[in-house]
Amino acid sequence: FIGGLSSKLKPDLQDIAQALNLNTNGQKKDIMDRIVACFDADPMLCEDPRFEGLFNRTRRRPAQTDGEGPNTLPSNSAGPSSSTP
């Protein structure tokens, strides 16, 4: 499972609840509350490979091989020019 719980649809939450052997009935909020309570009661579950994607918030950025990303100056530019066109 990956992504935050709050962004999950009810069927996804039901899948997570079922994997945790929790009741899958009720409204989305009820199911989410049961899931959160389960992880609060047993924090080691957060490290389980099945569930760690729910809590690991790191995002990978695409690798930039040319060194000219959105926050870098082109290699031939030393800054603003003092000459006028």
Protein backbone atom coordinates (compact mmCIF):
# COMPACT_ATOMS: atom_id res chain seq x y z
CA PHE A 1 0.00 0.00 0.00
CA ILE A 2 1.30 3.46 -0.85
CA GLY A 3 0.07 7.02 -0.35
CA GLY A 4 -1.55 8.74 2.59
CA LEU A 5 -4.68 7.33 4.16
CA SER A 6 -6.67 10.54 3.73
CA SER A 7 -6.34 10.32 -0.05
CA LYS A 8 -7.62 6.75 -0.21
CA LEU A 9 -11.04 5.81 -1.52
CA LYS A 10 -13.30 3.69 0.65
CA PRO A 11 -12.55 0.42 -1.22
CA ASP A 12 -8.81 1.03 -0.73
CA LEU A 13 -9.33 1.64 2.99
CA GLN A 14 -11.38 -1.54 3.18
CA ASP A 15 -8.47 -3.45 1.60
CA ILE A 16 -6.07 -2.02 4.18
CA ALA A 17 -8.50 -2.78 7.01
CA GLN A 18 -8.91 -6.33 5.77
CA ALA A 19 -5.11 -6.77 5.64
CA LEU A 20 -5.04 -5.63 9.29
CA ASN A 21 -7.89 -8.01 10.21
CA LEU A 22 -10.16 -5.07 11.07
CA ASN A 23 -13.86 -4.56 10.49
CA THR A 24 -14.37 -3.26 6.94
CA ASN A 25 -17.95 -2.06 7.43
CA GLY A 26 -19.08 1.50 7.96
CA GLN A 27 -18.35 4.90 6.51
CA LYS A 28 -14.97 5.87 5.12
CA LYS A 29 -14.17 7.90 8.26
CA ASP A 30 -15.00 4.94 10.52
CA ILE A 31 -12.72 2.60 8.59
CA MET A 32 -9.91 5.16 8.56
CA ASP A 33 -10.28 5.70 12.32
CA ARG A 34 -9.97 1.94 12.93
CA ILE A 35 -6.86 1.78 10.74
CA VAL A 36 -5.21 4.74 12.49
CA ALA A 37 -6.06 3.29 15.90
CA CYS A 38 -4.51 -0.02 14.88
CA PHE A 39 -1.25 1.65 13.82
CA ASP A 40 -1.25 3.77 16.98
CA ALA A 41 -1.68 0.64 19.10
CA ASP A 42 1.13 -1.20 17.27
CA PRO A 43 3.66 1.28 15.79
CA MET A 44 5.82 -1.60 14.53
CA LEU A 45 3.18 -2.19 11.85
CA CYS A 46 4.38 1.04 10.20
CA GLU A 47 7.64 -0.76 9.40
CA ASP A 48 5.89 -3.75 7.84
CA PRO A 49 6.72 -3.78 4.10
CA ARG A 50 3.01 -4.03 3.28
CA PHE A 51 2.22 -0.78 5.09
CA GLU A 52 5.41 1.32 5.12
CA GLY A 53 4.37 3.06 1.89
CA LEU A 54 1.48 4.61 3.79
CA PHE A 55 3.91 6.46 6.05
CA ASN A 56 7.04 6.98 3.96
CA ARG A 57 6.50 10.44 2.46
CA THR A 58 9.72 10.77 0.48
CA ARG A 59 9.24 11.50 -3.17
CA ARG A 60 11.82 10.94 -5.82
CA ARG A 61 12.63 13.75 -8.17
CA PRO A 62 13.64 12.95 -11.73
CA ALA A 63 17.40 12.83 -12.14
CA GLN A 64 18.88 15.79 -13.97
CA THR A 65 21.93 14.79 -15.94
CA ASP A 66 22.62 18.05 -17.78
CA GLY A 67 23.05 20.17 -14.63
CA GLU A 68 20.61 22.76 -15.90
CA GLY A 69 17.55 22.34 -13.72
CA PRO A 70 14.96 25.04 -13.04
CA ASN A 71 17.09 26.60 -10.29
CA THR A 72 20.44 26.70 -12.08
CA LEU A 73 21.90 29.23 -14.48
CA PRO A 74 23.01 28.09 -17.92
CA SER A 75 26.75 27.37 -17.98
CA ASN A 76 27.48 30.30 -20.32
CA SER A 77 25.79 32.85 -18.07
CA ALA A 78 27.65 34.61 -15.29
CA GLY A 79 24.68 36.69 -14.23
CA PRO A 80 23.13 39.91 -15.50
CA SER A 81 25.01 41.62 -18.28
CA SER A 82 26.03 45.27 -18.01
CA SER A 83 25.90 45.89 -21.76
CA THR A 84 22.72 47.05 -23.47
CA PRO A 85 21.44 45.58 -26.72
